[in-house]
């Protein structure tokens, strides 16, 4: 698979992005960590908190990353931006109608969901552990950790249309290419996230009943 940009150009985009918007990246990480802490403390998160958080992640990644930065090296970035904004709109609708909730429990769904959420929060450190250096590395508030935390929360969600998984599955497939083609090994987890969401969409009983 040939990409319209090089490994160095890809990392340069992250360098420019991090230098320009790092306060927002840090703020979104803190907000997300707070919501996740509440989820782990109580074992449950209501639909409004869940979907407003996910809407913020997808809208930010679509506009701030894809449109304003990734578009400079990838002609497909405007399409990605549109997909992310569409997904954000779906989450806004779910938040407004307060549909669904997510619950962590000591079963297969809870373990997988919790692991993906924790990995997404640790994503900046994983990149550093694999040899990338700040600021030229994906930190947070970019598409791949967005897809990871979304997968973790959706796999434990109840009363949510499974078609909500479609765009996150698509991005898991697209984004995981960075792990293989560009050597962004932190994105290998997207293979797991995409597979889990695909199974949850097509054969949800394979992951056990929702709590």
Protein backbone atom coordinates (compact mmCIF):
# COMPACT_ATOMS: atom_id res chain seq x y z
CA UNK A 1 0.00 0.00 0.00
CA UNK A 2 1.50 3.32 -1.10
CA UNK A 3 0.77 6.43 0.94
CA UNK A 4 0.95 10.01 -0.39
CA UNK A 5 3.34 11.00 2.41
CA UNK A 6 6.47 9.70 4.11
CA UNK A 7 7.09 8.52 7.65
CA UNK A 8 8.92 11.77 8.44
CA UNK A 9 6.15 13.92 6.96
CA UNK A 10 3.61 12.04 9.05
CA UNK A 11 5.54 12.70 12.25
CA UNK A 12 6.13 16.32 11.22
CA UNK A 13 2.35 16.83 11.17
CA UNK A 14 2.13 15.61 14.74
CA UNK A 15 4.99 17.92 15.67
CA UNK A 16 3.14 20.92 14.24
CA UNK A 17 -0.16 19.81 15.76
CA UNK A 18 1.27 19.28 19.25
CA UNK A 19 3.15 22.57 19.19
CA UNK A 20 0.01 24.48 18.17
CA UNK A 21 -2.71 22.89 20.30
CA UNK A 22 -0.99 21.13 23.22
CA UNK A 23 -3.12 22.93 25.88
CA UNK A 24 -6.29 21.53 24.28
CA UNK A 25 -4.71 18.08 24.03
CA UNK A 26 -3.83 18.15 27.73
CA UNK A 27 -7.28 19.43 28.67
CA UNK A 28 -9.07 16.73 26.70
CA UNK A 29 -6.85 14.09 28.30
CA UNK A 30 -7.68 15.41 31.77
CA UNK A 31 -11.41 15.55 31.04
CA UNK A 32 -11.33 12.03 29.63
CA UNK A 33 -9.32 10.73 32.57
CA UNK A 34 -11.86 12.28 34.95
CA UNK A 35 -14.77 10.60 33.18
CA UNK A 36 -12.93 7.28 33.11
CA UNK A 37 -12.09 7.61 36.81
CA UNK A 38 -15.79 8.09 37.54
CA UNK A 39 -16.58 5.03 35.43
CA UNK A 40 -14.08 2.85 37.27
CA UNK A 41 -15.17 4.20 40.66
CA UNK A 42 -18.91 3.68 40.17
CA UNK A 43 -18.88 0.98 37.52
CA UNK A 44 -21.39 2.88 35.39
CA UNK A 45 -21.55 5.95 33.16
CA UNK A 46 -24.80 7.46 31.93
CA UNK A 47 -25.50 8.07 28.28
CA UNK A 48 -25.17 11.84 28.39
CA UNK A 49 -21.65 11.84 29.85
CA UNK A 50 -20.59 8.94 27.63
CA UNK A 51 -21.76 10.35 24.32
CA UNK A 52 -20.91 14.02 24.91
CA UNK A 53 -17.36 12.90 25.64
CA UNK A 54 -17.18 10.77 22.50
CA UNK A 55 -18.77 13.53 20.40
CA UNK A 56 -16.09 15.94 21.60
CA UNK A 57 -13.31 13.49 20.72
CA UNK A 58 -14.61 12.79 17.21
CA UNK A 59 -15.41 16.41 16.39
CA UNK A 60 -12.01 17.59 17.61
CA UNK A 61 -10.09 14.92 15.71
CA UNK A 62 -12.11 15.58 12.58
CA UNK A 63 -11.71 19.34 12.55
CA UNK A 64 -8.54 20.15 14.49
CA UNK A 65 -6.43 17.22 13.29
CA UNK A 66 -7.75 15.99 9.94
CA UNK A 67 -8.86 19.32 8.47
CA UNK A 68 -6.30 21.77 9.82
CA UNK A 69 -3.19 19.58 9.93
CA UNK A 70 -3.40 16.17 8.21
CA UNK A 71 -4.92 17.78 5.09
CA UNK A 72 -1.52 19.36 4.37
CA UNK A 73 -0.03 15.96 3.43
CA UNK A 74 -3.00 13.71 2.68
CA UNK A 75 -5.63 14.51 0.03
CA UNK A 76 -7.99 12.02 1.71
CA UNK A 77 -8.00 14.00 4.97
CA UNK A 78 -11.13 16.06 4.09
CA UNK A 79 -13.03 12.79 3.62
CA UNK A 80 -11.75 11.56 6.97
CA UNK A 81 -12.78 14.88 8.54
CA UNK A 82 -16.31 14.46 7.17
CA UNK A 83 -16.55 10.90 8.55
CA UNK A 84 -15.38 12.03 11.97
CA UNK A 85 -17.82 14.94 12.06
CA UNK A 86 -20.65 12.61 11.02
CA UNK A 87 -19.73 10.24 13.84
CA UNK A 88 -19.62 13.15 16.28
CA UNK A 89 -23.12 14.13 15.15
CA UNK A 90 -24.36 10.61 15.86
CA UNK A 91 -22.93 10.80 19.36
CA UNK A 92 -24.53 14.22 19.89
CA UNK A 93 -27.89 12.73 18.93
CA UNK A 94 -27.41 9.85 21.37
CA UNK A 95 -26.42 12.31 24.10
CA UNK A 96 -29.46 14.49 23.50
CA UNK A 97 -31.87 11.58 23.64
CA UNK A 98 -29.88 10.16 26.59
CA UNK A 99 -29.85 6.77 24.95
CA UNK A 100 -27.63 4.10 26.43
CA UNK A 101 -25.09 3.82 29.19
CA UNK A 102 -21.87 1.94 29.76
CA UNK A 103 -20.99 -0.36 32.62
CA UNK A 104 -17.76 -2.04 33.63
CA UNK A 105 -18.22 -5.46 35.17
CA UNK A 106 -15.84 -8.38 35.81
CA UNK A 107 -16.76 -10.23 32.64
CA UNK A 108 -15.27 -10.45 29.16
CA UNK A 109 -16.87 -7.22 27.98
CA UNK A 110 -15.79 -5.30 31.05
CA UNK A 111 -12.22 -6.58 30.86
CA UNK A 112 -11.84 -5.81 27.14
CA UNK A 113 -13.54 -2.42 27.41
CA UNK A 114 -11.56 -1.39 30.47
CA UNK A 115 -8.27 -2.49 28.91
CA UNK A 116 -8.91 -0.49 25.72
CA UNK A 117 -9.87 2.63 27.70
CA UNK A 118 -6.78 2.41 29.89
CA UNK A 119 -4.59 1.82 26.82
CA UNK A 120 -6.08 4.89 25.12
CA UNK A 121 -5.23 7.04 28.12
CA UNK A 122 -1.71 5.58 28.23
CA UNK A 123 -1.33 6.01 24.45
CA UNK A 124 1.11 8.97 24.67
CA UNK A 125 3.46 6.97 26.91
CA UNK A 126 3.20 3.92 24.65
CA UNK A 127 4.48 5.97 21.73
CA UNK A 128 7.43 7.18 23.77
CA UNK A 129 8.14 3.62 24.93
CA UNK A 130 8.34 2.57 21.29
CA UNK A 131 11.02 5.17 20.59
CA UNK A 132 9.12 8.21 19.33
CA UNK A 133 10.10 11.61 20.70
CA UNK A 134 8.03 14.65 21.59
CA UNK A 135 6.68 16.61 19.82
CA UNK A 136 6.85 14.36 16.72
CA UNK A 137 4.51 11.64 17.92
CA UNK A 138 0.77 11.09 18.30
CA UNK A 139 -0.20 12.00 21.85
CA UNK A 140 -3.93 12.30 22.46
CA UNK A 141 -6.92 14.04 20.90
CA UNK A 142 -6.01 12.51 17.53
CA UNK A 143 -7.89 9.84 15.58
CA UNK A 144 -6.25 6.60 16.74
CA UNK A 145 -6.59 7.03 20.52
CA UNK A 146 -10.06 8.41 19.81
CA UNK A 147 -10.99 5.15 18.09
CA UNK A 148 -9.44 3.12 20.92
CA UNK A 149 -11.32 4.83 23.72
CA UNK A 150 -14.51 4.72 21.66
CA UNK A 151 -14.16 0.97 21.17
CA UNK A 152 -13.55 0.46 24.87
CA UNK A 153 -16.66 2.39 25.86
CA UNK A 154 -18.97 1.06 23.13
CA UNK A 155 -18.20 -2.60 23.78
CA UNK A 156 -19.66 -2.20 27.28
CA UNK A 157 -22.53 0.10 26.27
CA UNK A 158 -26.16 -0.95 26.52
CA UNK A 159 -29.21 0.12 24.51
CA UNK A 160 -27.09 1.61 21.73
CA UNK A 161 -27.60 0.82 18.01
CA UNK A 162 -24.78 -1.45 16.87
CA UNK A 163 -24.46 0.53 13.62
CA UNK A 164 -22.79 3.20 15.75
CA UNK A 165 -19.75 0.90 15.52
CA UNK A 166 -19.40 1.30 11.74
CA UNK A 167 -17.15 4.36 11.51
CA UNK A 168 -14.94 3.34 14.47
CA UNK A 169 -14.43 -0.06 12.79
CA UNK A 170 -13.56 1.66 9.52
CA UNK A 171 -11.05 3.94 11.21
CA UNK A 172 -9.53 1.03 13.12
CA UNK A 173 -8.82 -0.58 9.74
CA UNK A 174 -7.44 2.63 8.22
CA UNK A 175 -5.53 3.76 11.28
CA UNK A 176 -3.91 0.40 11.95
CA UNK A 177 -2.12 0.75 8.62
CA UNK A 178 0.12 3.25 10.41
CA UNK A 179 1.32 0.45 12.63
CA UNK A 180 2.44 -1.66 9.69
CA UNK A 181 3.39 0.87 7.00
CA UNK A 182 4.66 3.78 9.09
CA UNK A 183 5.94 1.88 12.11
CA UNK A 184 3.61 3.55 14.64
CA UNK A 185 3.50 0.45 16.83
CA UNK A 186 1.18 1.97 19.41
CA UNK A 187 -1.53 1.65 16.75
CA UNK A 188 -1.31 -2.15 16.72
CA UNK A 189 -4.03 -2.04 19.38
CA UNK A 190 -6.41 -0.77 16.69
CA UNK A 191 -6.41 -4.25 15.17
CA UNK A 192 -7.82 -5.58 18.45
CA UNK A 193 -10.25 -2.67 18.83
CA UNK A 194 -11.60 -3.08 15.29
CA UNK A 195 -11.95 -6.85 15.66
CA UNK A 196 -13.79 -6.50 18.97
CA UNK A 197 -16.23 -3.96 17.56
CA UNK A 198 -16.78 -6.09 14.45
CA UNK A 199 -17.60 -9.13 16.57
CA UNK A 200 -19.86 -7.00 18.76
CA UNK A 201 -21.71 -5.81 15.67
CA UNK A 202 -22.07 -9.12 13.85
CA UNK A 203 -22.15 -11.68 16.66
CA UNK A 204 -22.57 -9.86 19.97
CA UNK A 205 -23.29 -13.05 21.91
CA UNK A 206 -19.68 -14.10 21.32
CA UNK A 207 -18.60 -11.47 23.84
CA UNK A 208 -21.22 -12.47 26.37
CA UNK A 209 -24.37 -10.72 27.47
CA UNK A 210 -24.31 -7.04 28.31
CA UNK A 211 -24.49 -6.29 32.03
